[in-house]
Amino acid sequence: MTKIDTSRPESVLPTPSHTVGPFYGYALPFRGGEEIAPLGHPDTITIHGYVLDGEGEPLPDAFVELWGPDPQGNVPQVDGSMRRDPATGGHLGRNGVEFTGWGRMQTDANGHWYARTLRPGARGRSAPYVSACVFARGLLVHLFTRIYLPGDDAALAADPLLAQVGDRRDTLIAQDEGNGTYRFDIRLQGEGETVFLEFQ
């Protein structure tokens, strides 16, 4: 049996108690969390990007949750995102039919995430957007932001939140990559930091 010399800090491997948590790898990930749109829906779009730290380095162990209205701007009121088998308690995944507007995805080893959803409709005076919540190592409180989709310049110009953030508005607007694909990187701090929202 190998003995570890604990008298020298450099010889001891870090443990969770030495690392800033929380840790999200247990119980939170679920199969199919990124597939928000009903299977085969013709109006499916893809939103993807990276979660980046203050140095611009990707985070391989972050979570992104998305909530969005349907294309008519209605907030879905249906169950179905995390169905469980009543007999075993096991996770059954989505039913593939209902649009719940909600999804949760973990970044991969390169800090990349993606979701397939339906393009959101406008709600009230706001331009169409998807709400996002970011969980990451070292964040003791999760962060909220919005992902606005380009395409309606008049609606974006009239949006009350975008008007308040001034020259930082571009951190909230995804880039159109064509073919129904939008890129939205989430910068947690530093240059180009994403605008985050506080709810009271």
C-alpha atoms as a PDB file:
ATOM      1  CA  MET A   1       0.000   0.000   0.000  1.00  0.00           C
ATOM      2  CA  THR A   2       1.348   3.402  -1.034  1.00  0.00           C
ATOM      3  CA  LYS A   3       1.483   6.050   1.649  1.00  0.00           C
ATOM      4  CA  ILE A   4       0.881   9.678   0.718  1.00  0.00           C
ATOM      5  CA  ASP A   5       3.048  12.286   2.352  1.00  0.00           C
ATOM      6  CA  THR A   6       0.446  14.790   3.579  1.00  0.00           C
ATOM      7  CA  SER A   7       3.035  17.047   5.176  1.00  0.00           C
ATOM      8  CA  ARG A   8       3.693  18.665   1.763  1.00  0.00           C
ATOM      9  CA  PRO A   9       0.628  20.240   0.078  1.00  0.00           C
ATOM     10  CA  GLU A  10       2.052  19.695  -3.413  1.00  0.00           C
ATOM     11  CA  SER A  11       1.998  15.909  -2.896  1.00  0.00           C
ATOM     12  CA  VAL A  12      -1.722  15.740  -2.065  1.00  0.00           C
ATOM     13  CA  LEU A  13      -4.232  15.454  -4.903  1.00  0.00           C
ATOM     14  CA  PRO A  14      -7.185  17.873  -4.862  1.00  0.00           C
ATOM     15  CA  THR A  15     -10.486  16.549  -3.540  1.00  0.00           C
ATOM     16  CA  PRO A  16     -13.970  18.064  -3.920  1.00  0.00           C
ATOM     17  CA  SER A  17     -13.484  19.876  -0.631  1.00  0.00           C
ATOM     18  CA  HIS A  18     -10.489  21.684  -2.174  1.00  0.00           C
ATOM     19  CA  THR A  19     -12.358  22.646  -5.332  1.00  0.00           C
ATOM     20  CA  VAL A  20     -14.983  25.339  -5.720  1.00  0.00           C
ATOM     21  CA  GLY A  21     -18.266  23.595  -6.507  1.00  0.00           C
ATOM     22  CA  PRO A  22     -21.057  22.937  -6.934  1.00  0.00           C
ATOM     23  CA  PHE A  23     -20.785  19.878  -9.177  1.00  0.00           C
ATOM     24  CA  TYR A  24     -23.545  19.148 -11.675  1.00  0.00           C
ATOM     25  CA  GLY A  25     -22.582  15.795 -13.159  1.00  0.00           C
ATOM     26  CA  TYR A  26     -24.816  13.742 -10.871  1.00  0.00           C
ATOM     27  CA  ALA A  27     -28.607  13.516 -11.345  1.00  0.00           C
ATOM     28  CA  LEU A  28     -28.991  16.684 -13.446  1.00  0.00           C
ATOM     29  CA  PRO A  29     -27.994  15.438 -16.922  1.00  0.00           C
ATOM     30  CA  PHE A  30     -30.683  13.549 -18.778  1.00  0.00           C
ATOM     31  CA  ARG A  31     -30.816  11.862 -22.144  1.00  0.00           C
ATOM     32  CA  GLY A  32     -32.326  13.995 -24.899  1.00  0.00           C
ATOM     33  CA  GLY A  33     -32.287  17.239 -22.925  1.00  0.00           C
ATOM     34  CA  GLU A  34     -31.112  19.146 -25.990  1.00  0.00           C
ATOM     35  CA  GLU A  35     -34.001  17.924 -28.188  1.00  0.00           C
ATOM     36  CA  ILE A  36     -36.673  20.476 -27.231  1.00  0.00           C
ATOM     37  CA  ALA A  37     -38.547  20.555 -30.555  1.00  0.00           C
ATOM     38  CA  PRO A  38     -40.936  17.692 -31.314  1.00  0.00           C
ATOM     39  CA  LEU A  39     -39.263  14.956 -33.341  1.00  0.00           C
ATOM     40  CA  GLY A  40     -39.183  15.801 -37.055  1.00  0.00           C
ATOM     41  CA  HIS A  41     -40.897  19.195 -36.667  1.00  0.00           C
ATOM     42  CA  PRO A  42     -40.278  21.190 -39.890  1.00  0.00           C
ATOM     43  CA  ASP A  43     -39.643  24.502 -38.069  1.00  0.00           C
ATOM     44  CA  THR A  44     -36.855  23.222 -35.821  1.00  0.00           C
ATOM     45  CA  ILE A  45     -33.893  25.546 -35.310  1.00  0.00           C
ATOM     46  CA  THR A  46     -30.536  24.845 -33.679  1.00  0.00           C
ATOM     47  CA  ILE A  47     -28.958  27.186 -31.137  1.00  0.00           C
ATOM     48  CA  HIS A  48     -25.384  26.362 -30.138  1.00  0.00           C
ATOM     49  CA  GLY A  49     -22.286  27.922 -28.670  1.00  0.00           C
ATOM     50  CA  TYR A  50     -19.602  27.732 -26.006  1.00  0.00           C
ATOM     51  CA  VAL A  51     -19.574  28.591 -22.312  1.00  0.00           C
ATOM     52  CA  LEU A  52     -16.366  30.581 -21.738  1.00  0.00           C
ATOM     53  CA  ASP A  53     -14.616  31.707 -18.557  1.00  0.00           C
ATOM     54  CA  GLY A  54     -12.992  35.096 -17.913  1.00  0.00           C
ATOM     55  CA  GLU A  55      -9.881  34.092 -19.874  1.00  0.00           C
ATOM     56  CA  GLY A  56     -11.970  33.012 -22.849  1.00  0.00           C
ATOM     57  CA  GLU A  57     -11.345  29.333 -22.118  1.00  0.00           C
ATOM     58  CA  PRO A  58     -14.223  26.897 -22.661  1.00  0.00           C
ATOM     59  CA  LEU A  59     -15.796  25.171 -19.643  1.00  0.00           C
ATOM     60  CA  PRO A  60     -16.236  21.419 -20.168  1.00  0.00           C
ATOM     61  CA  ASP A  61     -18.517  20.905 -17.161  1.00  0.00           C
ATOM     62  CA  ALA A  62     -21.176  23.616 -17.399  1.00  0.00           C
ATOM     63  CA  PHE A  63     -24.936  23.264 -17.859  1.00  0.00           C
ATOM     64  CA  VAL A  64     -27.233  25.422 -19.934  1.00  0.00           C
ATOM     65  CA  GLU A  65     -31.002  25.380 -19.448  1.00  0.00           C
ATOM     66  CA  LEU A  66     -33.314  26.962 -22.011  1.00  0.00           C
ATOM     67  CA  TRP A  67     -36.968  28.000 -21.781  1.00  0.00           C
ATOM     68  CA  GLY A  68     -38.855  29.421 -24.716  1.00  0.00           C
ATOM     69  CA  PRO A  69     -42.358  30.122 -25.955  1.00  0.00           C
ATOM     70  CA  ASP A  70     -43.804  28.387 -28.987  1.00  0.00           C
ATOM     71  CA  PRO A  71     -43.791  30.121 -32.419  1.00  0.00           C
ATOM     72  CA  GLN A  72     -47.053  31.924 -31.521  1.00  0.00           C
ATOM     73  CA  GLY A  73     -45.476  33.397 -28.361  1.00  0.00           C
ATOM     74  CA  ASN A  74     -47.399  31.146 -25.969  1.00  0.00           C
ATOM     75  CA  VAL A  75     -45.629  29.639 -22.962  1.00  0.00           C
ATOM     76  CA  PRO A  76     -46.220  25.867 -23.107  1.00  0.00           C
ATOM     77  CA  GLN A  77     -48.316  24.426 -20.279  1.00  0.00           C
ATOM     78  CA  VAL A  78     -47.669  20.739 -20.989  1.00  0.00           C
ATOM     79  CA  ASP A  79     -45.712  18.052 -19.154  1.00  0.00           C
ATOM     80  CA  GLY A  80     -43.305  15.783 -20.927  1.00  0.00           C
ATOM     81  CA  SER A  81     -39.703  16.940 -20.609  1.00  0.00           C
ATOM     82  CA  MET A  82     -38.625  14.509 -17.865  1.00  0.00           C
ATOM     83  CA  ARG A  83     -41.155  11.669 -17.904  1.00  0.00           C
ATOM     84  CA  ARG A  84     -40.487   8.718 -15.631  1.00  0.00           C
ATOM     85  CA  ASP A  85     -41.545   5.111 -15.837  1.00  0.00           C
ATOM     86  CA  PRO A  86     -44.129   4.676 -13.035  1.00  0.00           C
ATOM     87  CA  ALA A  87     -43.003   1.093 -12.435  1.00  0.00           C
ATOM     88  CA  THR A  88     -39.230   1.519 -12.280  1.00  0.00           C
ATOM     89  CA  GLY A  89     -38.795   5.253 -11.744  1.00  0.00           C
ATOM     90  CA  GLY A  90     -36.376   5.254 -14.679  1.00  0.00           C
ATOM     91  CA  HIS A  91     -36.161   8.185 -17.072  1.00  0.00           C
ATOM     92  CA  LEU A  92     -38.197   7.658 -20.251  1.00  0.00           C
ATOM     93  CA  GLY A  93     -37.085  10.784 -22.100  1.00  0.00           C
ATOM     94  CA  ARG A  94     -39.355  13.126 -24.009  1.00  0.00           C
ATOM     95  CA  ASN A  95     -42.530  11.841 -25.565  1.00  0.00           C
ATOM     96  CA  GLY A  96     -41.432  13.274 -28.942  1.00  0.00           C
ATOM     97  CA  VAL A  97     -44.771  15.010 -29.537  1.00  0.00           C
ATOM     98  CA  GLU A  98     -45.314  17.772 -26.966  1.00  0.00           C
ATOM     99  CA  PHE A  99     -43.366  21.024 -27.132  1.00  0.00           C
ATOM    100  CA  THR A 100     -42.544  21.931 -23.532  1.00  0.00           C
ATOM    101  CA  GLY A 101     -40.192  24.786 -24.397  1.00  0.00           C
ATOM    102  CA  TRP A 102     -37.634  23.559 -21.843  1.00  0.00           C
ATOM    103  CA  GLY A 103     -34.348  21.741 -22.146  1.00  0.00           C
ATOM    104  CA  ARG A 104     -31.123  21.129 -20.254  1.00  0.00           C
ATOM    105  CA  MET A 105     -27.790  20.322 -21.820  1.00  0.00           C
ATOM    106  CA  GLN A 106     -24.252  19.814 -20.562  1.00  0.00           C
ATOM    107  CA  THR A 107     -21.256  21.267 -22.355  1.00  0.00           C
ATOM    108  CA  ASP A 108     -18.979  18.715 -23.974  1.00  0.00           C
ATOM    109  CA  ALA A 109     -15.218  18.348 -23.413  1.00  0.00           C
ATOM    110  CA  ASN A 110     -14.673  21.448 -25.591  1.00  0.00           C
ATOM    111  CA  GLY A 111     -17.190  23.606 -23.696  1.00  0.00           C
ATOM    112  CA  HIS A 112     -19.733  23.375 -26.534  1.00  0.00           C
ATOM    113  CA  TRP A 113     -23.507  23.039 -26.104  1.00  0.00           C
ATOM    114  CA  TYR A 114     -26.431  22.890 -28.509  1.00  0.00           C
ATOM    115  CA  ALA A 115     -30.203  22.631 -28.484  1.00  0.00           C
ATOM    116  CA  ARG A 116     -32.825  21.957 -31.134  1.00  0.00           C
ATOM    117  CA  THR A 117     -35.975  23.950 -30.466  1.00  0.00           C
ATOM    118  CA  LEU A 118     -38.715  25.935 -32.209  1.00  0.00           C
ATOM    119  CA  ARG A 119     -38.189  29.574 -33.110  1.00  0.00           C
ATOM    120  CA  PRO A 120     -39.892  31.561 -30.324  1.00  0.00           C
ATOM    121  CA  GLY A 121     -42.705  33.979 -31.041  1.00  0.00           C
ATOM    122  CA  ALA A 122     -42.832  37.504 -29.614  1.00  0.00           C
ATOM    123  CA  ARG A 123     -44.381  38.114 -26.194  1.00  0.00           C
ATOM    124  CA  GLY A 124     -45.705  41.568 -25.388  1.00  0.00           C
ATOM    125  CA  ARG A 125     -43.279  44.367 -26.312  1.00  0.00           C
ATOM    126  CA  SER A 126     -40.237  42.070 -26.299  1.00  0.00           C
ATOM    127  CA  ALA A 127     -38.575  40.806 -29.440  1.00  0.00           C
ATOM    128  CA  PRO A 128     -38.582  36.979 -29.696  1.00  0.00           C
ATOM    129  CA  TYR A 129     -36.083  35.395 -27.306  1.00  0.00           C
ATOM    130  CA  VAL A 130     -35.237  32.218 -25.442  1.00  0.00           C
ATOM    131  CA  SER A 131     -34.408  32.456 -21.723  1.00  0.00           C
ATOM    132  CA  ALA A 132     -31.187  30.781 -20.636  1.00  0.00           C
ATOM    133  CA  CYS A 133     -29.761  29.776 -17.278  1.00  0.00           C
ATOM    134  CA  VAL A 134     -26.098  28.860 -16.814  1.00  0.00           C
ATOM    135  CA  PHE A 135     -24.706  26.573 -14.116  1.00  0.00           C
ATOM    136  CA  ALA A 136     -20.936  26.123 -13.851  1.00  0.00           C
ATOM    137  CA  ARG A 137     -18.176  25.158 -11.468  1.00  0.00           C
ATOM    138  CA  GLY A 138     -17.312  28.094  -9.264  1.00  0.00           C
ATOM    139  CA  LEU A 139     -20.698  29.765  -9.745  1.00  0.00           C
ATOM    140  CA  LEU A 140     -22.406  29.586  -6.398  1.00  0.00           C
ATOM    141  CA  VAL A 141     -25.493  31.201  -7.929  1.00  0.00           C
ATOM    142  CA  HIS A 142     -26.626  30.343 -11.459  1.00  0.00           C
ATOM    143  CA  LEU A 143     -26.819  33.104 -14.065  1.00  0.00           C
ATOM    144  CA  PHE A 144     -29.806  34.146 -16.182  1.00  0.00           C
ATOM    145  CA  THR A 145     -29.643  35.683 -19.635  1.00  0.00           C
ATOM    146  CA  ARG A 146     -31.635  35.904 -22.856  1.00  0.00           C
ATOM    147  CA  ILE A 147     -30.891  34.704 -26.368  1.00  0.00           C
ATOM    148  CA  TYR A 148     -32.482  36.990 -28.941  1.00  0.00           C
ATOM    149  CA  LEU A 149     -32.648  35.703 -32.501  1.00  0.00           C
ATOM    150  CA  PRO A 150     -31.828  38.042 -35.379  1.00  0.00           C
ATOM    151  CA  GLY A 151     -34.203  38.587 -38.271  1.00  0.00           C
ATOM    152  CA  ASP A 152     -36.580  41.330 -37.134  1.00  0.00           C
ATOM    153  CA  ASP A 153     -34.539  44.523 -36.767  1.00  0.00           C
ATOM    154  CA  ALA A 154     -37.589  46.649 -35.860  1.00  0.00           C
ATOM    155  CA  ALA A 155     -38.549  44.314 -32.987  1.00  0.00           C
ATOM    156  CA  LEU A 156     -34.955  44.202 -31.689  1.00  0.00           C
ATOM    157  CA  ALA A 157     -34.716  48.014 -31.827  1.00  0.00           C
ATOM    158  CA  ALA A 158     -37.981  48.356 -29.855  1.00  0.00           C
ATOM    159  CA  ASP A 159     -37.179  45.725 -27.208  1.00  0.00           C
ATOM    160  CA  PRO A 160     -37.117  47.386 -23.738  1.00  0.00           C
ATOM    161  CA  LEU A 161     -34.294  45.231 -22.312  1.00  0.00           C
ATOM    162  CA  LEU A 162     -32.017  45.641 -25.329  1.00  0.00           C
ATOM    163  CA  ALA A 163     -32.578  49.399 -25.140  1.00  0.00           C
ATOM    164  CA  GLN A 164     -31.362  49.410 -21.502  1.00  0.00           C
ATOM    165  CA  VAL A 165     -28.096  47.539 -22.070  1.00  0.00           C
ATOM    166  CA  GLY A 166     -26.830  49.941 -24.731  1.00  0.00           C
ATOM    167  CA  ASP A 167     -23.601  48.934 -26.445  1.00  0.00           C
ATOM    168  CA  ARG A 168     -23.630  45.514 -24.739  1.00  0.00           C
ATOM    169  CA  ARG A 169     -26.795  44.452 -26.607  1.00  0.00           C
ATOM    170  CA  ASP A 170     -24.750  42.355 -29.055  1.00  0.00           C
ATOM    171  CA  THR A 171     -23.908  39.951 -26.211  1.00  0.00           C
ATOM    172  CA  LEU A 172     -27.613  39.007 -26.152  1.00  0.00           C
ATOM    173  CA  ILE A 173     -28.180  38.541 -29.903  1.00  0.00           C
ATOM    174  CA  ALA A 174     -27.260  35.213 -31.505  1.00  0.00           C
ATOM    175  CA  GLN A 175     -25.412  35.118 -34.815  1.00  0.00           C
ATOM    176  CA  ASP A 176     -27.332  33.706 -37.780  1.00  0.00           C
ATOM    177  CA  GLU A 177     -25.226  30.977 -39.400  1.00  0.00           C
ATOM    178  CA  GLY A 178     -27.873  30.104 -41.990  1.00  0.00           C
ATOM    179  CA  ASN A 179     -30.038  27.006 -42.423  1.00  0.00           C
ATOM    180  CA  GLY A 180     -31.870  27.636 -39.153  1.00  0.00           C
ATOM    181  CA  THR A 181     -28.669  27.571 -37.065  1.00  0.00           C
ATOM    182  CA  TYR A 182     -27.720  30.289 -34.567  1.00  0.00           C
ATOM    183  CA  ARG A 183     -24.545  30.668 -32.518  1.00  0.00           C
ATOM    184  CA  PHE A 184     -24.632  32.109 -29.024  1.00  0.00           C
ATOM    185  CA  ASP A 185     -21.477  32.012 -26.890  1.00  0.00           C
ATOM    186  CA  ILE A 186     -21.885  32.689 -23.168  1.00  0.00           C
ATOM    187  CA  ARG A 187     -18.970  34.615 -21.649  1.00  0.00           C
ATOM    188  CA  LEU A 188     -19.115  34.464 -17.864  1.00  0.00           C
ATOM    189  CA  GLN A 189     -16.834  37.458 -17.261  1.00  0.00           C
ATOM    190  CA  GLY A 190     -14.118  39.608 -18.799  1.00  0.00           C
ATOM    191  CA  GLU A 191     -14.089  41.286 -22.182  1.00  0.00           C
ATOM    192  CA  GLY A 192     -17.355  40.736 -24.047  1.00  0.00           C
ATOM    193  CA  GLU A 193     -19.093  39.403 -20.916  1.00  0.00           C
ATOM    194  CA  THR A 194     -22.657  38.336 -21.622  1.00  0.00           C
ATOM    195  CA  VAL A 195     -25.335  40.526 -20.036  1.00  0.00           C
ATOM    196  CA  PHE A 196     -26.843  38.629 -17.123  1.00  0.00           C
ATOM    197  CA  LEU A 197     -30.168  39.403 -15.488  1.00  0.00           C
ATOM    198  CA  GLU A 198     -31.145  39.599 -11.837  1.00  0.00           C
ATOM    199  CA  PHE A 199     -34.662  38.636 -10.796  1.00  0.00           C
ATOM    200  CA  GLN A 200     -36.106  39.961  -7.557  1.00  0.00           C
END
